[in-house]
Amino acid sequence: MSIPIYQNTILLAPVSILKKMEALLKKFLWEGGKGNVHRIHLISWNKLKMPYKEGGMQVRDLANQNLAMGAKTLWNLIAGKDSWSSKALRRKYFQGDRLRCLDNPIPRKNGSPIYKLCLKALPLFQPNLHWIPGNGKKINLWKDAVMGEQPIGQNTGIQNIKEWAQNSNLNSLWDISSWEEDGSWKDWHMDNLPIQLYDEKKCLLSLLQGKTPSSKSSHDKRGWGQRSGSYSAKEGYKVFTSAPHVAPNPAAWTFIWHYPFVPKIDFFCWTAAHKSILTGENLKNRGMEGPSRCPLCCSDEETIDHLLLNCPYLKEIWAEVLLLNIEDLAIHQNITELFATWATSSPFGLHKKDLLKTIWMWAPNNMAETLALWQGLKQAQEMNVHSLAVFGDSKIIIQALRTKKLPSNIFLIAIIKKILLLAAKFTAISFFHILRGLNAQADKEANKAAMMDMNTLKVNGRDSICFFPHWTPSS
């Protein structure tokens, strides 16, 4: 990784290379591995590059990352260790004092690759550059940004006192400062100020708050940004990619990415909140003609809000999940609003545990085999079997029973504890692992048995194909 990072720091990446790299990233995200070619890209790349709180996935913008890393060279020209490379670059391509060398770069049509990167990054880097006062001698009172704020001279309420001060050669923070005997800063001082400018003086003093020099012996420094005052590629990238756009319902994006969902559920909720999943309506909008009515109720268009909230089948599911009668169900009409309010309106008291995770955890891998083994041991006990050899294709379950080390899933733990209690009642019992291919029929029966321990939803008086387990939400 160090070689491409180093290249990003000193070379301006060609646009064609950046496009090829972005194409690879897009293909990886939407198409995955082999056998998944020509899949539809659901959401635009510009949205993907936005921060999580703005509805994106925070995918790196490669061009801005290149500029942010190249801007580190600009920072080294005016701050930090003054290396020989910084001196050479400053002498050849920039002019003036070290602290002001970026104010007026020498225009060149041709230059070294590192200079081209610096020149490209400079318009993004320079607006966030400011001064940190030492003794104030190098800081222009009217033209320089100090402590991350805009230059004082731009304020229209102090133009008369500004003109008087410039005529009196009061142009730096040092010029209007008074000092204690020990060299520390004492107060702002302006001699012979006309009486008619006293009101503007009050305005000027309020603008100078937080910009006082520290001492006579200190040196003025350059700072960058609003946080630490020191430039880093990470902070630079955030500033370079910032945009005034704020996605509607930011609470929805916070909910989707903040709570510990199963990753594929995260991704599905994210695409659903963007209204980009391939419903009949979206397929039609993409020019793909075909049936667009809901295949469950056949009464309305298959929109995202209908499919996930308003379909009669889905209302039955929501009523079951929320433990309400269908008549008492009050659900949002918009999926984004649901995500935005679910963290606080959920009847389950999420506290960083989400409903979707609870639903998905009820039936983890190996659940059917574990339930089948438990039922089998109970039947063997009822038949007065004293010695038993158990063959299973779930390596995790067999190892847990042999070593008595419980797995991490709370549902499996509860059942395995019951199995171990039952196993202790047999005179002799052994557990053996076999390949799943040799146990296909038993695996099929186990899954069928597990499906029998479920609630069946009824829609319009008939059984639905949707099943839900017996479960009780945590209080």
Protein backbone atom coordinates (compact mmCIF):
# COMPACT_ATOMS: atom_id res chain seq x y z
CA MET A 1 0.00 0.00 0.00
CA SER A 2 2.87 2.41 0.63
CA ILE A 3 3.79 2.74 -3.07
CA PRO A 4 0.35 3.91 -4.36
CA ILE A 5 -0.01 6.20 -1.33
CA TYR A 6 3.38 7.76 -2.10
CA GLN A 7 2.41 8.21 -5.76
CA ASN A 8 -0.83 9.89 -4.68
CA THR A 9 1.24 12.36 -2.67
CA ILE A 10 3.60 13.48 -5.43
CA LEU A 11 1.80 12.82 -8.76
CA LEU A 12 -1.39 14.24 -10.23
CA ALA A 13 -3.35 11.16 -11.30
CA PRO A 14 -4.50 11.20 -14.96
CA VAL A 15 -8.27 11.48 -15.42
CA SER A 16 -8.33 8.30 -17.56
CA ILE A 17 -6.69 6.29 -14.76
CA LEU A 18 -9.15 7.64 -12.17
CA LYS A 19 -12.10 6.68 -14.40
CA LYS A 20 -10.79 3.13 -14.80
CA MET A 21 -10.31 2.80 -11.05
CA GLU A 22 -13.83 4.10 -10.36
CA ALA A 23 -15.22 1.66 -12.94
CA LEU A 24 -13.59 -1.21 -11.03
CA LEU A 25 -15.09 0.03 -7.76
CA LYS A 26 -18.57 0.31 -9.30
CA LYS A 27 -18.33 -3.15 -10.78
CA PHE A 28 -17.22 -4.63 -7.47
CA LEU A 29 -20.07 -2.98 -5.55
CA TRP A 30 -22.95 -3.75 -7.89
CA GLU A 31 -21.81 -6.86 -9.73
CA GLY A 32 -19.68 -8.70 -7.17
CA GLY A 33 -17.69 -11.74 -8.26
CA LYS A 34 -17.94 -14.10 -11.20
CA GLY A 35 -21.36 -14.90 -12.59
CA ASN A 36 -22.89 -11.55 -11.61
CA VAL A 37 -22.09 -9.53 -14.72
CA HIS A 38 -24.43 -6.91 -16.22
CA ARG A 39 -26.31 -6.22 -12.99
CA ILE A 40 -28.10 -2.90 -12.67
CA HIS A 41 -26.33 -0.11 -10.78
CA LEU A 42 -29.14 1.06 -8.49
CA ILE A 43 -27.76 4.37 -7.17
CA SER A 44 -25.63 7.03 -8.82
CA TRP A 45 -21.92 7.18 -8.05
CA ASN A 46 -22.13 10.77 -6.82
CA LYS A 47 -24.63 9.71 -4.14
CA LEU A 48 -22.40 6.81 -3.13
CA LYS A 49 -19.52 9.20 -2.48
CA MET A 50 -21.54 11.27 0.00
CA PRO A 51 -21.05 10.77 3.76
CA TYR A 52 -23.28 8.30 5.60
CA LYS A 53 -25.32 11.07 7.23
CA GLU A 54 -26.14 12.52 3.81
CA GLY A 55 -27.41 9.25 2.36
CA GLY A 56 -24.19 7.96 0.79
CA MET A 57 -21.80 5.12 1.55
CA GLN A 58 -18.74 7.32 2.03
CA VAL A 59 -16.93 5.77 -0.95
CA ARG A 60 -13.68 7.64 -1.56
CA ASP A 61 -13.62 10.25 -4.30
CA LEU A 62 -10.30 9.29 -5.89
CA ALA A 63 -9.64 12.69 -7.49
CA ASN A 64 -10.20 14.59 -4.24
CA GLN A 65 -8.17 12.02 -2.33
CA ASN A 66 -5.27 12.62 -4.72
CA LEU A 67 -5.55 16.40 -4.17
CA ALA A 68 -5.88 16.04 -0.39
CA MET A 69 -2.70 13.99 -0.21
CA GLY A 70 -0.90 16.33 -2.60
CA ALA A 71 -1.91 19.32 -0.46
CA LYS A 72 0.29 17.88 2.28
CA THR A 73 3.25 19.10 0.20
CA LEU A 74 1.76 22.62 0.26
CA TRP A 75 1.47 22.44 4.03
CA ASN A 76 5.10 21.35 4.36
CA LEU A 77 6.17 24.41 2.34
CA ILE A 78 4.86 26.82 4.98
CA ALA A 79 4.82 24.80 8.23
CA GLY A 80 6.48 21.85 9.91
CA LYS A 81 9.97 20.65 9.21
CA ASP A 82 11.68 22.65 6.47
CA SER A 83 13.23 19.77 4.50
CA TRP A 84 15.59 20.15 1.56
CA SER A 85 12.85 19.09 -0.88
CA SER A 86 10.53 21.81 0.49
CA LYS A 87 13.28 24.40 0.12
CA ALA A 88 13.99 23.34 -3.46
CA LEU A 89 10.32 23.38 -4.43
CA ARG A 90 9.73 26.74 -2.77
CA ARG A 91 12.75 28.36 -4.39
CA LYS A 92 11.91 27.14 -7.89
CA TYR A 93 8.14 27.57 -8.06
CA PHE A 94 7.14 30.00 -5.29
CA GLN A 95 8.30 33.40 -4.11
CA GLY A 96 8.47 35.55 -1.00
CA ASP A 97 8.80 34.65 2.68
CA ARG A 98 8.25 31.05 3.66
CA LEU A 99 5.00 31.79 5.52
CA ARG A 100 3.62 33.74 2.54
CA CYS A 101 5.04 31.77 -0.36
CA LEU A 102 1.61 30.35 -1.31
CA ASP A 103 0.04 33.79 -1.67
CA ASN A 104 1.58 34.44 -5.08
CA PRO A 105 2.84 31.28 -6.82
CA ILE A 106 4.94 31.79 -9.94
CA PRO A 107 2.76 30.91 -12.98
CA ARG A 108 4.40 28.26 -15.15
CA LYS A 109 3.07 26.34 -18.12
CA ASN A 110 5.49 23.52 -17.55
CA GLY A 111 6.75 22.17 -14.29
CA SER A 112 7.57 19.00 -12.42
CA PRO A 113 4.77 16.47 -11.66
CA ILE A 114 4.77 17.46 -8.00
CA TYR A 115 4.34 21.14 -8.94
CA LYS A 116 1.36 20.29 -11.15
CA LEU A 117 -0.27 18.48 -8.24
CA CYS A 118 0.42 21.44 -5.92
CA LEU A 119 -1.02 23.89 -8.45
CA LYS A 120 -4.18 21.78 -8.81
CA ALA A 121 -4.65 21.45 -5.03
CA LEU A 122 -3.87 25.10 -4.20
CA PRO A 123 -7.37 26.57 -4.96
CA LEU A 124 -8.91 24.05 -2.56
CA PHE A 125 -6.18 24.34 0.06
CA GLN A 126 -5.75 28.12 0.25
CA PRO A 127 -9.26 29.24 1.40
CA ASN A 128 -8.85 27.31 4.65
CA LEU A 129 -5.38 28.67 5.38
CA HIS A 130 -5.12 31.17 8.21
CA TRP A 131 -2.73 32.70 10.74
CA ILE A 132 -2.09 31.80 14.38
CA PRO A 133 -0.76 34.90 16.20
CA GLY A 134 2.60 34.86 17.97
CA ASN A 135 3.73 38.48 18.26
CA GLY A 136 1.55 39.64 15.35
CA LYS A 137 4.31 41.26 13.27
CA LYS A 138 3.70 39.20 10.11
CA ILE A 139 -0.12 39.26 10.27
CA ASN A 140 -1.84 41.95 8.23
CA LEU A 141 -4.67 43.26 10.39
CA TRP A 142 -7.01 43.89 7.47
CA LYS A 143 -6.18 41.34 4.79
CA ASP A 144 -5.21 38.11 6.61
CA ALA A 145 -7.54 35.42 7.94
CA VAL A 146 -6.73 34.86 11.61
CA MET A 147 -7.68 31.81 13.71
CA GLY A 148 -9.86 30.33 10.98
CA GLU A 149 -12.04 33.43 10.50
CA GLN A 150 -12.44 35.70 7.49
CA PRO A 151 -10.23 38.84 7.22
CA ILE A 152 -11.48 41.68 9.41
CA GLY A 153 -11.11 44.20 6.59
CA GLN A 154 -14.08 42.65 4.74
CA ASN A 155 -16.48 43.92 7.42
CA THR A 156 -18.38 46.94 6.10
CA GLY A 157 -18.97 48.37 9.57
CA ILE A 158 -15.31 49.34 10.15
CA GLN A 159 -14.32 50.89 6.82
CA ASN A 160 -13.69 54.38 8.24
CA ILE A 161 -11.46 53.18 11.09
CA LYS A 162 -9.70 50.88 8.63
CA GLU A 163 -8.90 53.82 6.35
CA TRP A 164 -7.67 55.91 9.33
CA ALA A 165 -5.47 53.02 10.60
CA GLN A 166 -3.89 52.43 7.19
CA ASN A 167 -3.08 56.12 6.88
CA SER A 168 -1.49 55.91 10.34
CA ASN A 169 0.58 52.84 9.33
CA LEU A 170 -1.35 50.54 11.71
CA ASN A 171 -1.41 47.46 9.48
CA SER A 172 -0.43 44.53 11.69
CA LEU A 173 -1.58 43.06 14.99
CA TRP A 174 1.76 44.16 16.44
CA ASP A 175 1.06 47.78 15.51
CA ILE A 176 -2.11 48.01 17.64
CA SER A 177 -0.86 45.93 20.60
CA SER A 178 0.51 47.06 23.96
CA TRP A 179 2.72 44.82 26.08
CA GLU A 180 3.47 44.05 29.71
CA GLU A 181 7.01 44.45 31.07
CA ASP A 182 7.57 40.69 30.88
CA GLY A 183 6.72 40.70 27.15
CA SER A 184 3.23 39.21 27.37
CA TRP A 185 0.35 40.86 25.52
CA LYS A 186 -1.55 43.53 27.48
CA ASP A 187 -4.26 45.22 25.41
CA TRP A 188 -5.25 46.74 22.05
CA HIS A 189 -3.94 50.27 21.71
CA MET A 190 -4.71 53.03 19.19
CA ASP A 191 -3.30 56.51 19.84
CA ASN A 192 -4.99 59.69 18.65
CA LEU A 193 -8.17 57.95 17.43
CA PRO A 194 -10.77 60.55 16.35
CA ILE A 195 -13.86 60.67 18.57
CA GLN A 196 -16.22 60.01 15.65
CA LEU A 197 -14.60 56.58 15.17
CA TYR A 198 -15.24 55.32 18.72
CA ASP A 199 -18.34 53.36 17.69
CA GLU A 200 -16.41 51.63 14.93
CA LYS A 201 -13.62 50.93 17.44
CA LYS A 202 -16.09 48.93 19.56
CA CYS A 203 -17.03 46.91 16.49
CA LEU A 204 -13.33 46.36 15.66
CA LEU A 205 -12.53 45.20 19.20
CA SER A 206 -15.38 42.68 19.06
CA LEU A 207 -13.99 41.32 15.78
CA LEU A 208 -10.53 41.03 17.34
CA GLN A 209 -11.72 38.79 20.17
CA GLY A 210 -9.77 35.52 20.14
CA LYS A 211 -7.07 36.97 17.87
CA THR A 212 -4.72 38.44 20.47
CA PRO A 213 -0.93 37.88 20.14
CA SER A 214 0.65 35.74 22.87
CA SER A 215 4.01 37.43 23.59
CA LYS A 216 6.76 39.54 22.03
CA SER A 217 9.10 36.57 21.75
CA SER A 218 6.61 34.27 19.98
CA HIS A 219 6.54 33.83 16.22
CA ASP A 220 3.46 33.93 14.01
CA LYS A 221 2.50 30.60 12.43
CA ARG A 222 0.20 29.33 9.73
CA GLY A 223 -2.81 27.19 10.57
CA TRP A 224 -5.32 25.27 8.49
CA GLY A 225 -8.97 24.37 8.99
CA GLN A 226 -11.23 24.76 11.99
CA ARG A 227 -10.06 21.92 14.24
CA SER A 228 -6.45 21.29 15.24
CA GLY A 229 -4.97 24.08 13.11
CA SER A 230 -2.64 21.57 11.45
CA TYR A 231 -3.29 20.12 8.01
CA SER A 232 -3.81 16.40 7.50
CA ALA A 233 -4.88 14.52 4.38
CA LYS A 234 -7.90 13.20 6.29
CA GLU A 235 -9.15 16.67 7.22
CA GLY A 236 -8.29 17.97 3.77
CA TYR A 237 -10.36 15.27 2.09
CA LYS A 238 -13.38 16.11 4.27
CA VAL A 239 -13.16 19.78 3.34
CA PHE A 240 -12.48 19.17 -0.37
CA THR A 241 -15.51 16.87 -0.67
CA SER A 242 -17.90 18.92 1.46
CA ALA A 243 -21.03 20.09 -0.32
CA PRO A 244 -24.05 22.14 0.72
CA HIS A 245 -26.30 19.16 -0.03
CA VAL A 246 -28.12 17.61 2.95
CA ALA A 247 -30.28 14.60 2.17
CA PRO A 248 -33.91 14.74 3.40
CA ASN A 249 -34.57 12.92 6.68
CA PRO A 250 -30.94 12.64 7.85
CA ALA A 251 -32.21 10.65 10.87
CA ALA A 252 -33.08 7.82 8.48
CA TRP A 253 -29.47 7.43 7.35
CA THR A 254 -28.24 7.63 10.93
CA PHE A 255 -30.63 4.83 11.89
CA ILE A 256 -29.66 2.60 8.97
CA TRP A 257 -25.91 2.76 9.58
CA HIS A 258 -25.78 3.36 13.35
CA TYR A 259 -27.62 0.28 14.57
CA PRO A 260 -25.89 -3.13 14.20
CA PHE A 261 -27.92 -4.66 11.40
CA VAL A 262 -26.89 -7.67 9.39
CA PRO A 263 -24.77 -6.05 6.59
CA LYS A 264 -26.98 -7.21 3.73
CA ILE A 265 -30.01 -5.82 5.58
CA ASP A 266 -28.13 -2.52 6.00
CA PHE A 267 -27.59 -2.42 2.26
CA PHE A 268 -31.18 -3.34 1.42
CA CYS A 269 -32.59 -0.68 3.80
CA TRP A 270 -30.23 1.88 2.30
CA THR A 271 -31.35 1.15 -1.28
CA ALA A 272 -35.00 1.08 -0.13
CA ALA A 273 -34.63 4.49 1.55
CA HIS A 274 -33.28 5.82 -1.76
CA LYS A 275 -36.34 4.25 -3.46
CA SER A 276 -34.02 2.38 -5.79
CA ILE A 277 -34.84 -1.31 -5.32
CA LEU A 278 -36.13 -2.92 -8.49
CA THR A 279 -39.87 -2.77 -8.00
CA GLY A 280 -42.26 -2.88 -10.95
CA GLU A 281 -42.47 0.91 -10.92
CA ASN A 282 -38.68 1.39 -10.98
CA LEU A 283 -38.24 -1.18 -13.74
CA LYS A 284 -40.81 0.68 -15.82
CA ASN A 285 -39.00 3.97 -15.18
CA ARG A 286 -35.82 2.33 -16.46
CA GLY A 287 -37.57 1.42 -19.72
CA MET A 288 -38.13 -2.27 -18.88
CA GLU A 289 -41.71 -3.05 -19.81
CA GLY A 290 -43.54 -5.74 -17.92
CA PRO A 291 -46.11 -6.33 -15.16
CA SER A 292 -45.91 -3.52 -12.62
CA ARG A 293 -48.71 -4.48 -10.24
CA CYS A 294 -47.93 -5.91 -6.82
CA PRO A 295 -47.67 -9.72 -7.21
CA LEU A 296 -48.98 -10.25 -3.65
CA CYS A 297 -52.25 -8.31 -3.69
CA CYS A 298 -52.58 -7.52 -7.44
CA SER A 299 -54.49 -4.36 -6.54
CA ASP A 300 -51.91 -1.54 -6.67
CA GLU A 301 -48.76 -0.55 -8.48
CA GLU A 302 -45.63 -2.17 -7.04
CA THR A 303 -43.97 0.90 -5.56
CA ILE A 304 -41.43 0.70 -2.74
CA ASP A 305 -43.80 2.18 -0.16
CA HIS A 306 -46.58 -0.18 -1.20
CA LEU A 307 -44.36 -3.24 -1.25
CA LEU A 308 -42.83 -2.61 2.18
CA LEU A 309 -45.64 -0.83 4.04
CA ASN A 310 -49.07 -0.61 2.45
CA CYS A 311 -49.70 -3.97 0.80
CA PRO A 312 -52.36 -6.03 2.70
CA TYR A 313 -49.82 -8.85 3.05
CA LEU A 314 -47.27 -6.47 4.55
CA LYS A 315 -49.85 -4.99 6.91
CA GLU A 316 -50.46 -8.49 8.25
CA ILE A 317 -46.73 -8.90 8.79
CA TRP A 318 -46.41 -5.51 10.50
CA ALA A 319 -49.35 -6.32 12.77
CA GLU A 320 -47.68 -9.61 13.71
CA VAL A 321 -44.31 -8.00 14.32
CA LEU A 322 -45.75 -5.14 16.37
CA LEU A 323 -48.07 -7.49 18.27
CA LEU A 324 -51.12 -5.42 17.29
CA ASN A 325 -54.51 -6.09 15.78
CA ILE A 326 -54.70 -5.13 12.14
CA GLU A 327 -57.37 -2.52 13.01
CA ASP A 328 -55.01 -0.79 15.48
CA LEU A 329 -52.07 -0.69 13.08
CA ALA A 330 -50.80 2.83 12.33
CA ILE A 331 -47.80 2.59 10.01
CA HIS A 332 -45.96 5.32 8.10
CA GLN A 333 -46.90 5.86 4.48
CA ASN A 334 -43.27 6.53 3.53
CA ILE A 335 -40.37 4.11 4.06
CA THR A 336 -37.83 6.91 4.68
CA GLU A 337 -40.00 8.38 7.43
CA LEU A 338 -40.28 4.93 9.00
CA PHE A 339 -36.48 4.59 9.18
CA ALA A 340 -36.18 8.13 10.55
CA THR A 341 -38.53 7.48 13.49
CA TRP A 342 -38.16 3.75 14.13
CA ALA A 343 -35.29 4.14 16.64
CA THR A 344 -37.57 6.12 18.97
CA SER A 345 -41.04 4.82 18.05
CA SER A 346 -40.25 1.10 18.05
CA PRO A 347 -42.22 -0.70 20.82
CA PHE A 348 -39.26 -2.99 21.46
CA GLY A 349 -36.85 -0.48 23.03
CA LEU A 350 -34.02 -1.01 20.56
CA HIS A 351 -31.11 0.45 22.52
CA LYS A 352 -28.76 -0.43 19.67
CA LYS A 353 -30.58 -3.73 19.05
CA ASP A 354 -32.73 -3.64 15.99
CA LEU A 355 -35.87 -5.45 15.04
CA LEU A 356 -34.49 -6.75 11.77
CA LYS A 357 -31.54 -8.33 13.58
CA THR A 358 -33.95 -9.95 16.06
CA ILE A 359 -36.02 -11.41 13.25
CA TRP A 360 -33.00 -12.71 11.37
CA MET A 361 -31.37 -14.19 14.48
CA TRP A 362 -34.32 -16.46 15.33
CA ALA A 363 -33.34 -18.96 12.67
CA PRO A 364 -29.54 -18.99 12.29
CA ASN A 365 -27.61 -21.61 10.39
CA ASN A 366 -27.87 -25.04 12.05
CA MET A 367 -31.15 -24.17 13.81
CA ALA A 368 -33.15 -26.85 11.97
CA GLU A 369 -30.57 -29.55 12.75
CA THR A 370 -30.43 -28.53 16.42
CA LEU A 371 -34.22 -28.59 16.81
CA ALA A 372 -34.41 -31.95 15.04
CA LEU A 373 -31.75 -33.43 17.35
CA TRP A 374 -33.56 -32.16 20.44
CA GLN A 375 -36.87 -33.68 19.27
CA GLY A 376 -35.11 -36.92 18.32
CA LEU A 377 -33.55 -37.30 21.78
CA LYS A 378 -36.93 -36.68 23.41
CA GLN A 379 -38.52 -39.40 21.28
CA ALA A 380 -35.67 -41.80 22.01
CA GLN A 381 -36.16 -41.20 25.74
CA GLU A 382 -39.90 -41.85 25.44
CA MET A 383 -39.09 -45.15 23.63
CA ASN A 384 -36.82 -46.20 26.55
CA VAL A 385 -33.66 -46.15 24.41
CA HIS A 386 -30.63 -46.27 26.71
CA SER A 387 -27.69 -46.31 24.26
CA LEU A 388 -27.59 -44.02 21.25
CA ALA A 389 -25.26 -43.04 18.40
CA VAL A 390 -26.05 -39.68 16.84
CA PHE A 391 -24.86 -38.77 13.33
CA GLY A 392 -25.12 -35.16 12.19
CA ASP A 393 -23.87 -33.02 9.30
CA SER A 394 -23.53 -29.82 11.36
CA LYS A 395 -19.91 -29.71 12.48
CA ILE A 396 -20.53 -26.75 14.81
CA ILE A 397 -23.30 -28.56 16.71
CA ILE A 398 -21.44 -31.87 16.93
CA GLN A 399 -18.29 -30.18 18.24
CA ALA A 400 -20.31 -28.17 20.76
CA LEU A 401 -21.90 -31.36 22.09
CA ARG A 402 -18.59 -33.20 22.23
CA THR A 403 -16.58 -30.43 23.89
CA LYS A 404 -19.50 -28.78 25.73
CA LYS A 405 -18.28 -25.40 24.46
CA LEU A 406 -21.37 -23.43 23.50
CA PRO A 407 -21.60 -21.41 20.24
CA SER A 408 -22.06 -17.63 20.23
CA ASN A 409 -25.68 -17.55 19.01
CA ILE A 410 -28.09 -17.15 21.94
CA PHE A 411 -30.81 -19.26 20.28
CA LEU A 412 -28.48 -22.19 19.63
CA ILE A 413 -27.12 -21.94 23.18
CA ALA A 414 -30.58 -22.38 24.69
CA ILE A 415 -31.36 -25.51 22.66
CA ILE A 416 -27.91 -27.08 23.04
CA LYS A 417 -28.21 -26.73 26.82
CA LYS A 418 -31.49 -28.68 26.62
CA ILE A 419 -29.81 -31.31 24.43
CA LEU A 420 -26.95 -31.73 26.93
CA LEU A 421 -29.44 -32.20 29.78
CA LEU A 422 -31.27 -34.86 27.79
CA ALA A 423 -28.01 -36.57 26.74
CA ALA A 424 -26.97 -36.93 30.38
CA LYS A 425 -29.98 -39.21 30.98
CA PHE A 426 -28.78 -41.86 28.48
CA THR A 427 -26.56 -44.72 29.63
CA ALA A 428 -24.30 -44.27 26.59
CA ILE A 429 -24.47 -41.65 23.85
CA SER A 430 -21.97 -40.66 21.14
CA PHE A 431 -21.98 -37.89 18.55
CA PHE A 432 -20.45 -38.33 15.07
CA HIS A 433 -20.04 -35.85 12.21
CA ILE A 434 -20.83 -36.93 8.63
CA LEU A 435 -20.84 -35.07 5.31
CA ARG A 436 -24.07 -33.31 4.34
CA GLY A 437 -24.20 -35.17 1.03
CA LEU A 438 -24.63 -38.41 2.95
CA ASN A 439 -27.40 -36.91 5.06
CA ALA A 440 -29.59 -35.15 2.50
CA GLN A 441 -32.87 -36.83 3.43
CA ALA A 442 -32.43 -36.19 7.16
CA ASP A 443 -31.53 -32.56 6.45
CA LYS A 444 -34.70 -32.13 4.40
CA GLU A 445 -36.87 -33.62 7.15
CA ALA A 446 -35.20 -31.42 9.77
CA ASN A 447 -35.98 -28.27 7.80
CA LYS A 448 -39.57 -29.42 7.29
CA ALA A 449 -39.96 -30.02 11.01
CA ALA A 450 -38.55 -26.61 11.84
CA MET A 451 -41.08 -24.94 9.52
CA MET A 452 -43.93 -26.64 11.42
CA ASP A 453 -43.05 -24.63 14.54
CA MET A 454 -44.16 -21.34 13.02
CA ASN A 455 -47.20 -19.06 12.91
CA THR A 456 -49.07 -18.83 9.64
CA LEU A 457 -50.33 -15.44 8.52
CA LYS A 458 -53.81 -15.16 7.06
CA VAL A 459 -54.62 -12.54 4.45
CA ASN A 460 -58.23 -12.05 3.34
CA GLY A 461 -59.20 -15.23 5.12
CA ARG A 462 -56.62 -17.53 3.49
CA ASP A 463 -53.19 -18.77 4.50
CA SER A 464 -50.26 -16.61 3.45
CA ILE A 465 -46.94 -18.01 2.28
CA CYS A 466 -45.27 -15.85 4.96
CA PHE A 467 -44.21 -17.52 8.19
CA PHE A 468 -43.09 -16.08 11.51
CA PRO A 469 -41.55 -17.82 14.49
CA HIS A 470 -42.86 -17.88 18.03
CA TRP A 471 -40.83 -15.16 19.72
CA THR A 472 -41.27 -12.58 22.44
CA PRO A 473 -39.59 -9.16 22.10
CA SER A 474 -37.24 -8.18 24.90
CA SER A 475 -38.57 -5.53 27.27
